[in-house]
C-alpha cells in the first residue's frame, strides 16, 4: 500500500516538474527535480525494511552477548 501511495505522489511531482521544465526557458531545474525524485523513490523501495520485531531481536541478542561476556570475565 505504501508503494502505491509513494508511486502516485512521485508521479504527480514528476509530471508537474516536467510541465514546468517544458514551459520554461531553462529546462534543467525541472528535469533535475524529476530525476532526483525518481532516484529517491527507487532508493526508498529497494532498501531492506527493518521491522520492530527484528530490531527487538537484535537488541536482545546484543544484551545476551554482553551478559555472557560479563559472566565470562567474572568467571576467569
Protein backbone atom coordinates (compact mmCIF):
# COMPACT_ATOMS: atom_id res chain seq x y z
CA UNK A 1 0.00 0.00 0.00
CA UNK A 2 2.84 2.38 0.84
CA UNK A 3 4.40 1.57 -2.50
CA UNK A 4 1.31 2.73 -4.40
CA UNK A 5 0.97 5.90 -2.36
CA UNK A 6 4.62 6.76 -2.96
CA UNK A 7 4.26 5.94 -6.64
CA UNK A 8 1.27 8.27 -7.09
CA UNK A 9 2.93 11.11 -5.18
CA UNK A 10 6.19 10.74 -7.09
CA UNK A 11 4.37 10.57 -10.41
CA UNK A 12 2.42 13.73 -9.59
CA UNK A 13 5.57 15.63 -8.59
CA UNK A 14 7.40 14.46 -11.71
CA UNK A 15 4.55 15.46 -14.02
CA UNK A 16 4.49 18.95 -12.50
CA UNK A 17 8.29 19.20 -12.78
CA UNK A 18 8.25 18.06 -16.40
CA UNK A 19 5.49 20.51 -17.37
CA UNK A 20 7.43 23.25 -15.61
CA UNK A 21 10.55 22.24 -17.49
CA UNK A 22 8.73 22.30 -20.82
CA UNK A 23 7.22 25.73 -20.15
CA UNK A 24 10.42 27.45 -19.05
CA UNK A 25 13.44 28.66 -20.98
CA UNK A 26 15.84 26.78 -18.70
CA UNK A 27 14.67 23.18 -18.55
CA UNK A 28 17.45 21.87 -16.33
CA UNK A 29 15.88 22.50 -12.87
CA UNK A 30 12.64 20.73 -13.75
CA UNK A 31 14.45 17.78 -15.25
CA UNK A 32 16.81 17.56 -12.26
CA UNK A 33 13.87 17.61 -9.84
CA UNK A 34 12.11 14.85 -11.78
CA UNK A 35 15.25 12.72 -11.91
CA UNK A 36 16.08 13.20 -8.22
CA UNK A 37 12.54 12.31 -7.17
CA UNK A 38 12.63 9.09 -9.18
CA UNK A 39 16.06 8.17 -7.78
CA UNK A 40 14.75 8.80 -4.25
CA UNK A 41 11.72 6.60 -4.98
CA UNK A 42 13.83 3.73 -6.31
CA UNK A 43 16.19 4.01 -3.33
CA UNK A 44 13.33 4.01 -0.82
CA UNK A 45 11.70 0.98 -2.43
CA UNK A 46 14.89 -1.05 -2.86
CA UNK A 47 16.38 -0.72 0.61
CA UNK A 48 15.53 -3.52 3.03
CA UNK A 49 12.96 -2.67 5.65
CA UNK A 50 13.64 -3.47 9.27
CA UNK A 51 10.64 -4.27 11.40
CA UNK A 52 10.30 -3.54 15.08
CA UNK A 53 10.50 -7.22 15.95
CA UNK A 54 13.79 -7.59 14.09
CA UNK A 55 15.19 -4.60 15.97
CA UNK A 56 13.99 -6.06 19.25
CA UNK A 57 15.57 -9.41 18.48
CA UNK A 58 18.89 -7.79 17.59
CA UNK A 59 18.77 -5.71 20.76
CA UNK A 60 18.06 -8.81 22.87
CA UNK A 61 20.88 -10.71 21.18
CA UNK A 62 23.24 -7.82 21.88
CA UNK A 63 22.20 -7.77 25.54
CA UNK A 64 22.65 -11.54 25.86
CA UNK A 65 26.11 -11.34 24.32
CA UNK A 66 27.03 -8.51 26.68
CA UNK A 67 25.76 -10.50 29.68
CA UNK A 68 27.67 -13.60 28.61
CA UNK A 69 30.82 -11.52 28.11
CA UNK A 70 30.49 -10.11 31.64
CA UNK A 71 29.85 -13.56 33.14
CA UNK A 72 32.87 -14.95 31.31
CA UNK A 73 35.07 -12.14 32.60
CA UNK A 74 33.92 -12.70 36.20
CA UNK A 75 34.50 -16.45 35.92
CA UNK A 76 38.15 -16.12 34.99
